[in-house]
Each structure stands twice: as C-alpha cells, then as structure tokens.
Amino acid sequence: MSKIHEQFIVDQTGKKTAVIIPLKDYRQLMEDLHDLSVVAERRHEPTISLDELKQRLVADGLLQT
C-alpha cells in the first residue's frame, strides 16, 4: 500500500479530532483489517503441509500437475 495522504480536522485549540483519508485508502484499510480478523479467528485451526495442499487442489481440479 502506498503512503496515505491524510488530512486532519482540528478543534478550536488545534487538537486533532478527526482524520480524512481518500476513499481508496479507506477501503484498502478495511480490507486489511478484515484479513487480519480472519487470520486471528483461524489461528488455532490445524495446518496442512504444502504437499497436502497441492494434492487437495489437484483432486479438486484447481491445479494441474
């Protein structure tokens, strides 16, 4: 992701109270947060080896050998 170009909204004392970011950056951030939440939810699931994954993909017709 490229650098986010944000703008801040400040109150009368100059304290930052809100931020404005481009919609494209917001959507990317939301997608990243979703991906991280999925990873966190699945962290205790059993894992499989790369070879097992390849075998499953071949069996499902999603990968050719």
N, C-alpha and C. Protein backbone atom coordinates (compact mmCIF):
# COMPACT_ATOMS: atom_id res chain seq x y z
N MET A 1 0.84 -1.17 0.00
CA MET A 1 0.00 0.00 0.00
C MET A 1 0.89 1.23 0.00
N SER A 2 0.50 2.21 -0.75
CA SER A 2 1.28 3.43 -0.82
C SER A 2 1.02 4.30 0.41
N LYS A 3 1.79 5.35 0.52
CA LYS A 3 1.61 6.28 1.65
C LYS A 3 0.23 6.88 1.61
N ILE A 4 -0.41 6.92 2.77
CA ILE A 4 -1.74 7.52 2.87
C ILE A 4 -1.58 9.02 3.03
N HIS A 5 -2.33 9.76 2.25
CA HIS A 5 -2.31 11.22 2.34
C HIS A 5 -3.54 11.66 3.12
N GLU A 6 -3.33 11.85 4.41
CA GLU A 6 -4.44 12.18 5.28
C GLU A 6 -4.52 13.67 5.53
N GLN A 7 -5.71 14.11 5.91
CA GLN A 7 -5.94 15.48 6.34
C GLN A 7 -6.60 15.39 7.71
N PHE A 8 -6.29 16.34 8.56
CA PHE A 8 -6.83 16.31 9.91
C PHE A 8 -7.83 17.44 10.12
N ILE A 9 -8.84 17.15 10.93
CA ILE A 9 -9.77 18.16 11.39
C ILE A 9 -9.37 18.47 12.83
N VAL A 10 -9.25 19.73 13.13
CA VAL A 10 -8.81 20.15 14.47
C VAL A 10 -9.90 20.99 15.13
N ASP A 11 -9.87 20.99 16.45
CA ASP A 11 -10.82 21.83 17.18
C ASP A 11 -10.24 23.24 17.35
N GLN A 12 -10.93 24.04 18.13
CA GLN A 12 -10.52 25.44 18.30
C GLN A 12 -9.13 25.59 18.92
N THR A 13 -8.69 24.58 19.66
CA THR A 13 -7.39 24.65 20.32
C THR A 13 -6.28 24.05 19.47
N GLY A 14 -6.64 23.53 18.29
CA GLY A 14 -5.64 22.92 17.43
C GLY A 14 -5.46 21.42 17.66
N LYS A 15 -6.24 20.85 18.56
CA LYS A 15 -6.16 19.41 18.83
C LYS A 15 -6.83 18.64 17.70
N LYS A 16 -6.14 17.63 17.18
CA LYS A 16 -6.70 16.80 16.12
C LYS A 16 -7.87 16.02 16.67
N THR A 17 -9.01 16.08 15.96
CA THR A 17 -10.21 15.39 16.42
C THR A 17 -10.72 14.37 15.42
N ALA A 18 -10.29 14.46 14.18
CA ALA A 18 -10.74 13.52 13.14
C ALA A 18 -9.72 13.53 12.01
N VAL A 19 -9.87 12.54 11.14
CA VAL A 19 -8.96 12.44 10.01
C VAL A 19 -9.77 12.16 8.74
N ILE A 20 -9.30 12.70 7.64
CA ILE A 20 -9.91 12.46 6.34
C ILE A 20 -8.86 11.75 5.49
N ILE A 21 -9.25 10.61 4.91
CA ILE A 21 -8.35 9.90 4.01
C ILE A 21 -9.11 9.60 2.72
N PRO A 22 -8.39 9.42 1.62
CA PRO A 22 -9.06 9.09 0.37
C PRO A 22 -9.85 7.78 0.50
N LEU A 23 -10.97 7.71 -0.19
CA LEU A 23 -11.84 6.54 -0.12
C LEU A 23 -11.10 5.27 -0.50
N LYS A 24 -10.24 5.34 -1.48
CA LYS A 24 -9.46 4.17 -1.91
C LYS A 24 -8.61 3.64 -0.76
N ASP A 25 -7.96 4.54 -0.03
CA ASP A 25 -7.14 4.13 1.12
C ASP A 25 -8.00 3.55 2.23
N TYR A 26 -9.18 4.16 2.46
CA TYR A 26 -10.09 3.65 3.49
C TYR A 26 -10.52 2.22 3.16
N ARG A 27 -10.89 2.00 1.91
CA ARG A 27 -11.32 0.66 1.51
C ARG A 27 -10.20 -0.36 1.69
N GLN A 28 -8.97 0.03 1.34
CA GLN A 28 -7.83 -0.88 1.50
C GLN A 28 -7.60 -1.18 2.98
N LEU A 29 -7.70 -0.17 3.81
CA LEU A 29 -7.54 -0.39 5.26
C LEU A 29 -8.62 -1.33 5.80
N MET A 30 -9.85 -1.16 5.35
CA MET A 30 -10.94 -2.04 5.80
C MET A 30 -10.70 -3.47 5.33
N GLU A 31 -10.20 -3.64 4.12
CA GLU A 31 -9.90 -4.98 3.62
C GLU A 31 -8.77 -5.61 4.43
N ASP A 32 -7.74 -4.82 4.73
CA ASP A 32 -6.64 -5.32 5.54
C ASP A 32 -7.10 -5.72 6.94
N LEU A 33 -7.97 -4.91 7.55
CA LEU A 33 -8.50 -5.24 8.87
C LEU A 33 -9.32 -6.53 8.83
N HIS A 34 -10.11 -6.69 7.78
CA HIS A 34 -10.89 -7.92 7.64
C HIS A 34 -9.96 -9.13 7.52
N ASP A 35 -8.94 -9.00 6.67
CA ASP A 35 -7.98 -10.10 6.51
C ASP A 35 -7.33 -10.46 7.84
N LEU A 36 -6.93 -9.46 8.61
CA LEU A 36 -6.30 -9.72 9.91
C LEU A 36 -7.26 -10.39 10.88
N SER A 37 -8.54 -10.01 10.83
CA SER A 37 -9.51 -10.63 11.73
C SER A 37 -9.73 -12.10 11.36
N VAL A 38 -9.70 -12.41 10.07
CA VAL A 38 -9.84 -13.81 9.64
C VAL A 38 -8.65 -14.62 10.11
N VAL A 39 -7.46 -14.06 9.97
CA VAL A 39 -6.25 -14.75 10.44
C VAL A 39 -6.34 -15.00 11.95
N ALA A 40 -6.77 -13.99 12.70
CA ALA A 40 -6.88 -14.14 14.15
C ALA A 40 -7.90 -15.21 14.53
N GLU A 41 -9.03 -15.24 13.82
CA GLU A 41 -10.07 -16.23 14.12
C GLU A 41 -9.59 -17.65 13.81
N ARG A 42 -8.71 -17.80 12.84
CA ARG A 42 -8.32 -19.14 12.39
C ARG A 42 -6.96 -19.59 12.94
N ARG A 43 -6.37 -18.82 13.82
CA ARG A 43 -5.00 -19.11 14.26
C ARG A 43 -4.85 -20.45 14.98
N HIS A 44 -5.94 -20.98 15.53
CA HIS A 44 -5.85 -22.25 16.26
C HIS A 44 -6.28 -23.45 15.42
N GLU A 45 -6.63 -23.21 14.16
CA GLU A 45 -7.01 -24.31 13.29
C GLU A 45 -5.78 -25.14 12.93
N PRO A 46 -5.98 -26.43 12.71
CA PRO A 46 -4.84 -27.25 12.32
C PRO A 46 -4.30 -26.82 10.95
N THR A 47 -3.00 -27.02 10.76
CA THR A 47 -2.37 -26.66 9.49
C THR A 47 -2.14 -27.91 8.65
N ILE A 48 -1.88 -27.69 7.36
CA ILE A 48 -1.53 -28.79 6.47
C ILE A 48 -0.24 -28.41 5.76
N SER A 49 0.45 -29.42 5.26
CA SER A 49 1.70 -29.17 4.55
C SER A 49 1.40 -28.65 3.14
N LEU A 50 2.42 -28.09 2.53
CA LEU A 50 2.29 -27.61 1.16
C LEU A 50 1.95 -28.76 0.22
N ASP A 51 2.56 -29.91 0.44
CA ASP A 51 2.27 -31.07 -0.40
C ASP A 51 0.81 -31.49 -0.28
N GLU A 52 0.27 -31.48 0.94
CA GLU A 52 -1.14 -31.82 1.15
C GLU A 52 -2.05 -30.81 0.43
N LEU A 53 -1.70 -29.55 0.52
CA LEU A 53 -2.48 -28.51 -0.16
C LEU A 53 -2.49 -28.75 -1.66
N LYS A 54 -1.31 -29.03 -2.23
CA LYS A 54 -1.22 -29.30 -3.66
C LYS A 54 -2.07 -30.50 -4.05
N GLN A 55 -2.03 -31.56 -3.23
CA GLN A 55 -2.82 -32.75 -3.52
C GLN A 55 -4.32 -32.42 -3.51
N ARG A 56 -4.75 -31.64 -2.57
CA ARG A 56 -6.17 -31.25 -2.50
C ARG A 56 -6.57 -30.41 -3.71
N LEU A 57 -5.71 -29.49 -4.11
CA LEU A 57 -6.02 -28.65 -5.26
C LEU A 57 -6.08 -29.47 -6.55
N VAL A 58 -5.19 -30.42 -6.69
CA VAL A 58 -5.21 -31.32 -7.85
C VAL A 58 -6.48 -32.15 -7.83
N ALA A 59 -6.84 -32.69 -6.68
CA ALA A 59 -8.04 -33.51 -6.57
C ALA A 59 -9.30 -32.72 -6.89
N ASP A 60 -9.29 -31.43 -6.57
CA ASP A 60 -10.45 -30.57 -6.84
C ASP A 60 -10.43 -30.00 -8.25
N GLY A 61 -9.37 -30.33 -9.02
CA GLY A 61 -9.26 -29.82 -10.37
C GLY A 61 -8.85 -28.37 -10.49
N LEU A 62 -8.30 -27.84 -9.40
CA LEU A 62 -7.89 -26.43 -9.40
C LEU A 62 -6.42 -26.24 -9.70
N LEU A 63 -5.68 -27.34 -9.77
CA LEU A 63 -4.25 -27.28 -10.06
C LEU A 63 -3.88 -28.47 -10.92
N GLN A 64 -3.10 -28.21 -11.94
CA GLN A 64 -2.64 -29.29 -12.81
C GLN A 64 -1.20 -29.63 -12.46
N THR A 65 -0.88 -30.92 -12.55
CA THR A 65 0.49 -31.33 -12.24
C THR A 65 1.32 -31.42 -13.49
